[in-house]
Each structure stands twice: as structure tokens, then as C-alpha cells.
PDB file of all heavy atoms in Angstrom:
ATOM      1  N   ALA A   1       0.830  -1.169   0.084  1.00  0.00           N
ATOM      2  CA  ALA A   1       0.018  -0.006  -0.039  1.00  0.00           C
ATOM      3  C   ALA A   1       0.820   1.290   0.004  1.00  0.00           C
ATOM      4  O   ALA A   1       0.520   2.247  -0.623  1.00  0.00           O
ATOM      5  CB  ALA A   1      -0.945   0.004   1.228  1.00  0.00           C
ATOM      6  N   GLY A   2       2.034   1.132   0.630  1.00  0.00           N
ATOM      7  CA  GLY A   2       2.891   2.352   0.648  1.00  0.00           C
ATOM      8  C   GLY A   2       3.574   2.642  -0.696  1.00  0.00           C
ATOM      9  O   GLY A   2       4.008   3.765  -0.915  1.00  0.00           O
ATOM     10  N   ASP A   3       3.533   1.670  -1.603  1.00  0.00           N
ATOM     11  CA  ASP A   3       4.033   1.877  -2.971  1.00  0.00           C
ATOM     12  C   ASP A   3       2.955   2.504  -3.866  1.00  0.00           C
ATOM     13  O   ASP A   3       3.167   2.734  -5.086  1.00  0.00           O
ATOM     14  CB  ASP A   3       4.489   0.594  -3.511  1.00  0.00           C
ATOM     15  CG  ASP A   3       5.724   0.059  -2.834  1.00  0.00           C
ATOM     16  OD1 ASP A   3       6.526   0.914  -2.206  1.00  0.00           O
ATOM     17  OD2 ASP A   3       6.004  -1.133  -2.791  1.00  0.00           O
ATOM     18  N   ALA A   4       1.647   2.692  -3.336  1.00  0.00           N
ATOM     19  CA  ALA A   4       0.644   3.214  -4.141  1.00  0.00           C
ATOM     20  C   ALA A   4       0.830   4.735  -4.415  1.00  0.00           C
ATOM     21  O   ALA A   4       1.589   5.379  -3.671  1.00  0.00           O
ATOM     22  CB  ALA A   4      -0.755   3.079  -3.468  1.00  0.00           C
ATOM     23  N   PRO A   5       0.291   5.271  -5.477  1.00  0.00           N
ATOM     24  CA  PRO A   5       0.437   6.686  -5.670  1.00  0.00           C
ATOM     25  C   PRO A   5      -0.038   7.454  -4.432  1.00  0.00           C
ATOM     26  O   PRO A   5      -1.002   7.086  -3.697  1.00  0.00           O
ATOM     27  CB  PRO A   5      -0.531   6.971  -6.906  1.00  0.00           C
ATOM     28  CG  PRO A   5      -0.570   5.731  -7.635  1.00  0.00           C
ATOM     29  CD  PRO A   5      -0.475   4.586  -6.599  1.00  0.00           C
ATOM     30  N   VAL A   6       0.513   8.679  -4.232  1.00  0.00           N
ATOM     31  CA  VAL A   6       0.277   9.357  -3.012  1.00  0.00           C
ATOM     32  C   VAL A   6      -1.282   9.666  -2.829  1.00  0.00           C
ATOM     33  O   VAL A   6      -1.774   9.522  -1.654  1.00  0.00           O
ATOM     34  CB  VAL A   6       0.979  10.791  -3.078  1.00  0.00           C
ATOM     35  CG1 VAL A   6       0.619  11.582  -1.798  1.00  0.00           C
ATOM     36  CG2 VAL A   6       2.458  10.525  -3.091  1.00  0.00           C
ATOM     37  N   ALA A   7      -1.991   9.855  -3.833  1.00  0.00           N
ATOM     38  CA  ALA A   7      -3.431  10.285  -3.877  1.00  0.00           C
ATOM     39  C   ALA A   7      -4.251   9.166  -3.315  1.00  0.00           C
ATOM     40  O   ALA A   7      -5.314   9.409  -2.693  1.00  0.00           O
ATOM     41  CB  ALA A   7      -3.950  10.712  -5.278  1.00  0.00           C
ATOM     42  N   MET A   8      -3.809   7.921  -3.458  1.00  0.00           N
ATOM     43  CA  MET A   8      -4.568   6.752  -3.052  1.00  0.00           C
ATOM     44  C   MET A   8      -3.886   5.914  -1.909  1.00  0.00           C
ATOM     45  O   MET A   8      -4.366   4.914  -1.470  1.00  0.00           O
ATOM     46  CB  MET A   8      -4.897   5.824  -4.246  1.00  0.00           C
ATOM     47  CG  MET A   8      -3.753   5.247  -4.907  1.00  0.00           C
ATOM     48  SD  MET A   8      -4.224   4.342  -6.464  1.00  0.00           S
ATOM     49  CE  MET A   8      -5.218   3.095  -5.801  1.00  0.00           C
ATOM     50  N   ARG A   9      -2.797   6.509  -1.351  1.00  0.00           N
ATOM     51  CA  ARG A   9      -2.043   5.764  -0.384  1.00  0.00           C
ATOM     52  C   ARG A   9      -2.865   5.484   0.928  1.00  0.00           C
ATOM     53  O   ARG A   9      -2.827   4.448   1.462  1.00  0.00           O
ATOM     54  CB  ARG A   9      -0.723   6.390  -0.088  1.00  0.00           C
ATOM     55  CG  ARG A   9       0.240   5.640   0.712  1.00  0.00           C
ATOM     56  CD  ARG A   9       1.542   6.224   0.676  1.00  0.00           C
ATOM     57  NE  ARG A   9       2.188   6.333  -0.535  1.00  0.00           N
ATOM     58  CZ  ARG A   9       3.221   7.116  -0.943  1.00  0.00           C
ATOM     59  NH1 ARG A   9       3.662   7.991  -0.090  1.00  0.00           N
ATOM     60  NH2 ARG A   9       3.604   7.138  -2.195  1.00  0.00           N
ATOM     61  N   GLU A  10      -3.499   6.529   1.382  1.00  0.00           N
ATOM     62  CA  GLU A  10      -4.246   6.437   2.632  1.00  0.00           C
ATOM     63  C   GLU A  10      -5.337   5.464   2.511  1.00  0.00           C
ATOM     64  O   GLU A  10      -5.696   4.659   3.331  1.00  0.00           O
ATOM     65  CB  GLU A  10      -4.720   7.725   3.042  1.00  0.00           C
ATOM     66  CG  GLU A  10      -5.343   7.750   4.397  1.00  0.00           C
ATOM     67  CD  GLU A  10      -5.713   9.119   4.925  1.00  0.00           C
ATOM     68  OE1 GLU A  10      -5.294  10.107   4.315  1.00  0.00           O
ATOM     69  OE2 GLU A  10      -6.396   9.238   6.017  1.00  0.00           O
ATOM     70  N   ARG A  11      -6.057   5.547   1.358  1.00  0.00           N
ATOM     71  CA  ARG A  11      -7.163   4.615   1.060  1.00  0.00           C
ATOM     72  C   ARG A  11      -6.623   3.156   0.966  1.00  0.00           C
ATOM     73  O   ARG A  11      -7.260   2.230   1.471  1.00  0.00           O
ATOM     74  CB  ARG A  11      -7.867   4.962  -0.248  1.00  0.00           C
ATOM     75  CG  ARG A  11      -8.906   3.905  -0.801  1.00  0.00           C
ATOM     76  CD  ARG A  11      -9.992   3.663   0.177  1.00  0.00           C
ATOM     77  NE  ARG A  11     -10.716   4.907   0.608  1.00  0.00           N
ATOM     78  CZ  ARG A  11     -11.669   4.839   1.568  1.00  0.00           C
ATOM     79  NH1 ARG A  11     -11.864   3.817   2.159  1.00  0.00           N
ATOM     80  NH2 ARG A  11     -12.283   6.055   1.852  1.00  0.00           N
ATOM     81  N   ALA A  12      -5.486   3.020   0.329  1.00  0.00           N
ATOM     82  CA  ALA A  12      -4.854   1.640   0.224  1.00  0.00           C
ATOM     83  C   ALA A  12      -4.580   1.098   1.632  1.00  0.00           C
ATOM     84  O   ALA A  12      -4.800  -0.077   1.893  1.00  0.00           O
ATOM     85  CB  ALA A  12      -3.606   1.760  -0.665  1.00  0.00           C
ATOM     86  N   ARG A  13      -4.010   1.924   2.488  1.00  0.00           N
ATOM     87  CA  ARG A  13      -3.744   1.313   3.847  1.00  0.00           C
ATOM     88  C   ARG A  13      -4.904   1.047   4.557  1.00  0.00           C
ATOM     89  O   ARG A  13      -5.026   0.061   5.332  1.00  0.00           O
ATOM     90  CB  ARG A  13      -2.925   2.465   4.636  1.00  0.00           C
ATOM     91  CG  ARG A  13      -1.429   2.599   4.046  1.00  0.00           C
ATOM     92  CD  ARG A  13      -0.743   3.848   4.685  1.00  0.00           C
ATOM     93  NE  ARG A  13       0.715   3.707   4.299  1.00  0.00           N
ATOM     94  CZ  ARG A  13       1.586   4.753   4.586  1.00  0.00           C
ATOM     95  NH1 ARG A  13       1.128   5.755   5.214  1.00  0.00           N
ATOM     96  NH2 ARG A  13       2.822   4.562   4.371  1.00  0.00           N
ATOM     97  N   SER A  14      -6.103   1.785   4.429  1.00  0.00           N
ATOM     98  CA  SER A  14      -7.320   1.581   5.049  1.00  0.00           C
ATOM     99  C   SER A  14      -7.846   0.204   4.561  1.00  0.00           C
ATOM    100  O   SER A  14      -8.389  -0.620   5.388  1.00  0.00           O
ATOM    101  CB  SER A  14      -8.242   2.628   4.777  1.00  0.00           C
ATOM    102  OG  SER A  14      -9.540   2.338   5.353  1.00  0.00           O
ATOM    103  N   VAL A  15      -7.804  -0.069   3.202  1.00  0.00           N
ATOM    104  CA  VAL A  15      -8.236  -1.242   2.691  1.00  0.00           C
ATOM    105  C   VAL A  15      -7.598  -2.499   3.247  1.00  0.00           C
ATOM    106  O   VAL A  15      -8.067  -3.570   3.559  1.00  0.00           O
ATOM    107  CB  VAL A  15      -8.249  -1.251   1.154  1.00  0.00           C
ATOM    108  CG1 VAL A  15      -8.381  -2.593   0.544  1.00  0.00           C
ATOM    109  CG2 VAL A  15      -9.195  -0.297   0.547  1.00  0.00           C
ATOM    110  N   VAL A  16      -6.206  -2.332   3.283  1.00  0.00           N
ATOM    111  CA  VAL A  16      -5.318  -3.365   3.836  1.00  0.00           C
ATOM    112  C   VAL A  16      -5.738  -3.723   5.212  1.00  0.00           C
ATOM    113  O   VAL A  16      -5.921  -4.968   5.506  1.00  0.00           O
ATOM    114  CB  VAL A  16      -3.837  -2.967   3.744  1.00  0.00           C
ATOM    115  CG1 VAL A  16      -2.973  -4.001   4.555  1.00  0.00           C
ATOM    116  CG2 VAL A  16      -3.338  -3.008   2.277  1.00  0.00           C
ATOM    117  N   MET A  17      -5.839  -2.794   6.161  1.00  0.00           N
ATOM    118  CA  MET A  17      -6.115  -3.084   7.468  1.00  0.00           C
ATOM    119  C   MET A  17      -7.496  -3.713   7.616  1.00  0.00           C
ATOM    120  O   MET A  17      -7.743  -4.609   8.533  1.00  0.00           O
ATOM    121  CB  MET A  17      -5.913  -1.845   8.349  1.00  0.00           C
ATOM    122  CG  MET A  17      -4.415  -1.398   8.483  1.00  0.00           C
ATOM    123  SD  MET A  17      -3.401  -2.775   9.077  1.00  0.00           S
ATOM    124  CE  MET A  17      -1.737  -2.106   8.725  1.00  0.00           C
ATOM    125  N   SER A  18      -8.501  -3.274   6.860  1.00  0.00           N
ATOM    126  CA  SER A  18      -9.830  -3.745   6.974  1.00  0.00           C
ATOM    127  C   SER A  18      -9.846  -5.189   6.496  1.00  0.00           C
ATOM    128  O   SER A  18     -10.437  -6.096   7.120  1.00  0.00           O
ATOM    129  CB  SER A  18     -10.775  -2.889   6.112  1.00  0.00           C
ATOM    130  OG  SER A  18     -10.903  -1.673   6.672  1.00  0.00           O
ATOM    131  N   TYR A  19      -9.046  -5.387   5.326  1.00  0.00           N
ATOM    132  CA  TYR A  19      -9.116  -6.800   4.827  1.00  0.00           C
ATOM    133  C   TYR A  19      -8.480  -7.769   5.835  1.00  0.00           C
ATOM    134  O   TYR A  19      -8.925  -8.816   6.107  1.00  0.00           O
ATOM    135  CB  TYR A  19      -8.378  -6.933   3.548  1.00  0.00           C
ATOM    136  CG  TYR A  19      -7.946  -8.326   3.106  1.00  0.00           C
ATOM    137  CD1 TYR A  19      -8.908  -9.132   2.637  1.00  0.00           C
ATOM    138  CD2 TYR A  19      -6.690  -8.759   3.337  1.00  0.00           C
ATOM    139  CE1 TYR A  19      -8.553 -10.483   2.372  1.00  0.00           C
ATOM    140  CE2 TYR A  19      -6.290 -10.075   3.100  1.00  0.00           C
ATOM    141  CZ  TYR A  19      -7.305 -10.972   2.559  1.00  0.00           C
ATOM    142  OH  TYR A  19      -6.868 -12.277   2.398  1.00  0.00           O
ATOM    143  N   GLU A  20      -7.227  -7.330   6.376  1.00  0.00           N
ATOM    144  CA  GLU A  20      -6.572  -8.214   7.311  1.00  0.00           C
ATOM    145  C   GLU A  20      -7.300  -8.536   8.556  1.00  0.00           C
ATOM    146  O   GLU A  20      -7.315  -9.584   9.087  1.00  0.00           O
ATOM    147  CB  GLU A  20      -5.210  -7.534   7.687  1.00  0.00           C
ATOM    148  CG  GLU A  20      -4.184  -7.490   6.570  1.00  0.00           C
ATOM    149  CD  GLU A  20      -3.687  -8.983   6.356  1.00  0.00           C
ATOM    150  OE1 GLU A  20      -3.596  -9.743   7.329  1.00  0.00           O
ATOM    151  OE2 GLU A  20      -3.375  -9.260   5.155  1.00  0.00           O
ATOM    152  N   SER A  21      -8.072  -7.560   9.097  1.00  0.00           N
ATOM    153  CA  SER A  21      -8.979  -7.736  10.251  1.00  0.00           C
ATOM    154  C   SER A  21     -10.035  -8.764   9.878  1.00  0.00           C
ATOM    155  O   SER A  21     -10.360  -9.594  10.644  1.00  0.00           O
ATOM    156  CB  SER A  21      -9.560  -6.457  10.796  1.00  0.00           C
ATOM    157  OG  SER A  21      -8.510  -5.548  11.238  1.00  0.00           O
ATOM    158  N   MET A  22     -10.646  -8.618   8.665  1.00  0.00           N
ATOM    159  CA  MET A  22     -11.643  -9.550   8.261  1.00  0.00           C
ATOM    160  C   MET A  22     -11.082 -10.964   8.159  1.00  0.00           C
ATOM    161  O   MET A  22     -11.673 -11.941   8.583  1.00  0.00           O
ATOM    162  CB  MET A  22     -12.283  -9.107   6.982  1.00  0.00           C
ATOM    163  CG  MET A  22     -13.280 -10.136   6.419  1.00  0.00           C
ATOM    164  SD  MET A  22     -13.653  -9.786   4.630  1.00  0.00           S
ATOM    165  CE  MET A  22     -12.061 -10.203   3.859  1.00  0.00           C
ATOM    166  N   ALA A  23      -9.937 -11.113   7.617  1.00  0.00           N
ATOM    167  CA  ALA A  23      -9.224 -12.362   7.491  1.00  0.00           C
ATOM    168  C   ALA A  23      -8.934 -12.903   8.805  1.00  0.00           C
ATOM    169  O   ALA A  23      -9.086 -14.206   9.104  1.00  0.00           O
ATOM    170  CB  ALA A  23      -8.039 -12.232   6.611  1.00  0.00           C
ATOM    171  N   ASP A  24      -8.537 -12.155   9.790  1.00  0.00           N
ATOM    172  CA  ASP A  24      -8.261 -12.600  11.101  1.00  0.00           C
ATOM    173  C   ASP A  24      -9.479 -13.241  11.720  1.00  0.00           C
ATOM    174  O   ASP A  24      -9.445 -14.319  12.346  1.00  0.00           O
ATOM    175  CB  ASP A  24      -7.701 -11.440  11.979  1.00  0.00           C
ATOM    176  CG  ASP A  24      -6.198 -11.354  11.959  1.00  0.00           C
ATOM    177  OD1 ASP A  24      -5.526 -12.201  11.341  1.00  0.00           O
ATOM    178  OD2 ASP A  24      -5.629 -10.388  12.603  1.00  0.00           O
ATOM    179  N   GLU A  25     -10.574 -12.420  11.686  1.00  0.00           N
ATOM    180  CA  GLU A  25     -11.872 -12.912  12.313  1.00  0.00           C
ATOM    181  C   GLU A  25     -12.236 -14.191  11.634  1.00  0.00           C
ATOM    182  O   GLU A  25     -12.699 -15.134  12.407  1.00  0.00           O
ATOM    183  CB  GLU A  25     -12.892 -11.764  12.150  1.00  0.00           C
ATOM    184  CG  GLU A  25     -12.705 -10.745  13.080  1.00  0.00           C
ATOM    185  CD  GLU A  25     -12.825 -11.093  14.531  1.00  0.00           C
ATOM    186  OE1 GLU A  25     -13.635 -12.037  14.860  1.00  0.00           O
ATOM    187  OE2 GLU A  25     -12.043 -10.578  15.394  1.00  0.00           O
ATOM    188  N   ALA A  26     -12.166 -14.210  10.413  1.00  0.00           N
ATOM    189  CA  ALA A  26     -12.586 -15.449   9.665  1.00  0.00           C
ATOM    190  C   ALA A  26     -11.747 -16.637  10.019  1.00  0.00           C
ATOM    191  O   ALA A  26     -12.341 -17.784  10.239  1.00  0.00           O
ATOM    192  CB  ALA A  26     -12.626 -15.264   8.148  1.00  0.00           C
ATOM    193  N   SER A  27     -10.463 -16.499  10.239  1.00  0.00           N
ATOM    194  CA  SER A  27      -9.632 -17.620  10.644  1.00  0.00           C
ATOM    195  C   SER A  27      -9.951 -18.039  12.059  1.00  0.00           C
ATOM    196  O   SER A  27      -9.926 -19.236  12.436  1.00  0.00           O
ATOM    197  CB  SER A  27      -8.139 -17.213  10.511  1.00  0.00           C
ATOM    198  OG  SER A  27      -7.795 -16.268  11.487  1.00  0.00           O
ATOM    199  N   PHE A  28     -10.236 -17.036  12.913  1.00  0.00           N
ATOM    200  CA  PHE A  28     -10.460 -17.423  14.404  1.00  0.00           C
ATOM    201  C   PHE A  28     -11.893 -17.969  14.622  1.00  0.00           C
ATOM    202  O   PHE A  28     -12.240 -18.523  15.628  1.00  0.00           O
ATOM    203  CB  PHE A  28     -10.253 -16.187  15.296  1.00  0.00           C
ATOM    204  CG  PHE A  28      -8.841 -15.882  15.667  1.00  0.00           C
ATOM    205  CD1 PHE A  28      -8.150 -14.948  15.096  1.00  0.00           C
ATOM    206  CD2 PHE A  28      -8.181 -16.879  16.484  1.00  0.00           C
ATOM    207  CE1 PHE A  28      -6.766 -14.737  15.426  1.00  0.00           C
ATOM    208  CE2 PHE A  28      -6.777 -16.735  16.838  1.00  0.00           C
ATOM    209  CZ  PHE A  28      -6.202 -15.655  16.260  1.00  0.00           C
ATOM    210  N   VAL A  29     -12.767 -17.797  13.550  1.00  0.00           N
ATOM    211  CA  VAL A  29     -14.035 -18.538  13.537  1.00  0.00           C
ATOM    212  C   VAL A  29     -13.837 -19.929  13.004  1.00  0.00           C
ATOM    213  O   VAL A  29     -14.266 -20.980  13.576  1.00  0.00           O
ATOM    214  CB  VAL A  29     -15.127 -17.832  12.597  1.00  0.00           C
ATOM    215  CG1 VAL A  29     -16.290 -18.642  12.439  1.00  0.00           C
ATOM    216  CG2 VAL A  29     -15.424 -16.498  13.216  1.00  0.00           C
ATOM    217  N   LEU A  30     -13.023 -20.084  11.885  1.00  0.00           N
ATOM    218  CA  LEU A  30     -12.833 -21.348  11.252  1.00  0.00           C
ATOM    219  C   LEU A  30     -12.002 -22.298  12.131  1.00  0.00           C
ATOM    220  O   LEU A  30     -12.156 -23.427  12.124  1.00  0.00           O
ATOM    221  CB  LEU A  30     -12.302 -21.185   9.845  1.00  0.00           C
ATOM    222  CG  LEU A  30     -12.134 -22.361   9.016  1.00  0.00           C
ATOM    223  CD1 LEU A  30     -13.377 -23.130   8.785  1.00  0.00           C
ATOM    224  CD2 LEU A  30     -11.418 -22.051   7.738  1.00  0.00           C
ATOM    225  N   GLY A  31     -10.900 -21.704  12.767  1.00  0.00           N
ATOM    226  CA  GLY A  31     -10.052 -22.548  13.549  1.00  0.00           C
ATOM    227  C   GLY A  31     -10.670 -23.376  14.606  1.00  0.00           C
ATOM    228  O   GLY A  31     -10.508 -24.688  14.603  1.00  0.00           O
ATOM    229  N   PRO A  32     -11.455 -22.809  15.534  1.00  0.00           N
ATOM    230  CA  PRO A  32     -12.208 -23.688  16.496  1.00  0.00           C
ATOM    231  C   PRO A  32     -13.196 -24.610  15.769  1.00  0.00           C
ATOM    232  O   PRO A  32     -13.323 -25.744  16.456  1.00  0.00           O
ATOM    233  CB  PRO A  32     -12.939 -22.603  17.310  1.00  0.00           C
ATOM    234  CG  PRO A  32     -12.202 -21.380  17.156  1.00  0.00           C
ATOM    235  CD  PRO A  32     -11.628 -21.311  15.800  1.00  0.00           C
ATOM    236  N   VAL A  33     -13.788 -24.304  14.767  1.00  0.00           N
ATOM    237  CA  VAL A  33     -14.694 -25.134  14.126  1.00  0.00           C
ATOM    238  C   VAL A  33     -13.944 -26.399  13.570  1.00  0.00           C
ATOM    239  O   VAL A  33     -14.358 -27.562  13.728  1.00  0.00           O
ATOM    240  CB  VAL A  33     -15.312 -24.428  12.832  1.00  0.00           C
ATOM    241  CG1 VAL A  33     -16.176 -25.599  11.996  1.00  0.00           C
ATOM    242  CG2 VAL A  33     -16.333 -23.418  13.284  1.00  0.00           C
ATOM    243  N   ILE A  34     -12.712 -26.150  13.027  1.00  0.00           N
ATOM    244  CA  ILE A  34     -11.851 -27.294  12.443  1.00  0.00           C
ATOM    245  C   ILE A  34     -11.493 -28.102  13.717  1.00  0.00           C
ATOM    246  O   ILE A  34     -11.407 -29.406  13.593  1.00  0.00           O
ATOM    247  CB  ILE A  34     -10.676 -26.666  11.796  1.00  0.00           C
ATOM    248  CG1 ILE A  34     -11.037 -26.059  10.399  1.00  0.00           C
ATOM    249  CG2 ILE A  34      -9.672 -27.972  11.507  1.00  0.00           C
ATOM    250  CD1 ILE A  34      -9.956 -25.328   9.755  1.00  0.00           C
ATOM    251  N   VAL A  35     -11.128 -27.499  14.876  1.00  0.00           N
ATOM    252  CA  VAL A  35     -10.704 -28.254  15.948  1.00  0.00           C
ATOM    253  C   VAL A  35     -11.874 -29.200  16.478  1.00  0.00           C
ATOM    254  O   VAL A  35     -11.677 -30.358  16.786  1.00  0.00           O
ATOM    255  CB  VAL A  35     -10.367 -27.259  17.075  1.00  0.00           C
ATOM    256  CG1 VAL A  35     -10.172 -28.111  18.417  1.00  0.00           C
ATOM    257  CG2 VAL A  35      -9.052 -26.585  16.830  1.00  0.00           C
ATOM    258  N   GLY A  36     -13.079 -28.628  16.490  1.00  0.00           N
ATOM    259  CA  GLY A  36     -14.200 -29.342  16.976  1.00  0.00           C
ATOM    260  C   GLY A  36     -14.570 -30.546  16.022  1.00  0.00           C
ATOM    261  O   GLY A  36     -14.787 -31.696  16.375  1.00  0.00           O
ATOM    262  N   LEU A  37     -14.542 -30.329  14.727  1.00  0.00           N
ATOM    263  CA  LEU A  37     -14.818 -31.317  13.725  1.00  0.00           C
ATOM    264  C   LEU A  37     -13.807 -32.463  13.724  1.00  0.00           C
ATOM    265  O   LEU A  37     -14.139 -33.595  13.719  1.00  0.00           O
ATOM    266  CB  LEU A  37     -14.907 -30.730  12.350  1.00  0.00           C
ATOM    267  CG  LEU A  37     -16.212 -29.814  12.056  1.00  0.00           C
ATOM    268  CD1 LEU A  37     -16.019 -29.193  10.661  1.00  0.00           C
ATOM    269  CD2 LEU A  37     -17.471 -30.531  12.243  1.00  0.00           C
ATOM    270  N   ALA A  38     -12.489 -32.065  13.797  1.00  0.00           N
ATOM    271  CA  ALA A  38     -11.438 -33.020  13.736  1.00  0.00           C
ATOM    272  C   ALA A  38     -11.440 -33.915  15.082  1.00  0.00           C
ATOM    273  O   ALA A  38     -11.243 -35.089  15.013  1.00  0.00           O
ATOM    274  CB  ALA A  38     -10.025 -32.352  13.603  1.00  0.00           C
ATOM    275  N   SER A  39     -11.766 -33.235  16.165  1.00  0.00           N
ATOM    276  CA  SER A  39     -11.846 -33.976  17.410  1.00  0.00           C
ATOM    277  C   SER A  39     -12.945 -34.962  17.484  1.00  0.00           C
ATOM    278  O   SER A  39     -12.867 -36.111  17.932  1.00  0.00           O
ATOM    279  CB  SER A  39     -11.979 -32.979  18.563  1.00  0.00           C
ATOM    280  OG  SER A  39     -10.865 -32.087  18.677  1.00  0.00           O
ATOM    281  N   ALA A  40     -14.089 -34.550  16.908  1.00  0.00           N
ATOM    282  CA  ALA A  40     -15.263 -35.365  16.973  1.00  0.00           C
ATOM    283  C   ALA A  40     -15.173 -36.483  15.893  1.00  0.00           C
ATOM    284  O   ALA A  40     -15.480 -37.664  16.164  1.00  0.00           O
ATOM    285  CB  ALA A  40     -16.462 -34.573  16.637  1.00  0.00           C
TER     286      ALA A  40
END
């Protein structure tokens, strides 16, 4: 995102952090589900 043109750099950084937080949440939802399914 830091390599983006100056005019869109702030937007690029916002998109990155939003996407990464979404991916984190999805993984922490899926992780326990996988644990439960594999254990059962």
C-alpha cells in the first residue's frame, strides 16, 4: 500500500487493515470449528 500513488495511499492502507482484520476474524471462527470437527 505504501507503494501506491500518494493520492490513493491512505485509502490503500485503510483497505489493507480492513481486509486483514476480516481475514483474522474469519480464521478465528474457522479455527475452532476445525478443531471441533477433527476432534469429533
